[in-house]
Amino acid sequence: MACFEAFLTSSFKGIVPVVKVGKRKIGNGTVGPVTKRVMQLFHEFTRNYE
């Protein structure tokens, strides 16, 4: 089974892209478009959170 993108979430770090596990690249080894979008949305939400 292949994975194209992966990320971790936490209350402290927010969204953390995962591009490699051990010696194996995930997808093409760069942050993918879905992860970038999730990071952007999370940043906007937490920046505007009151």
Foldseek 3Di string as FASTA:
>chain_A
DAAQWDWDADPVPGIGTDQDDDHDGHRPSDHDPVSVVSSVVRVVCVVPPD
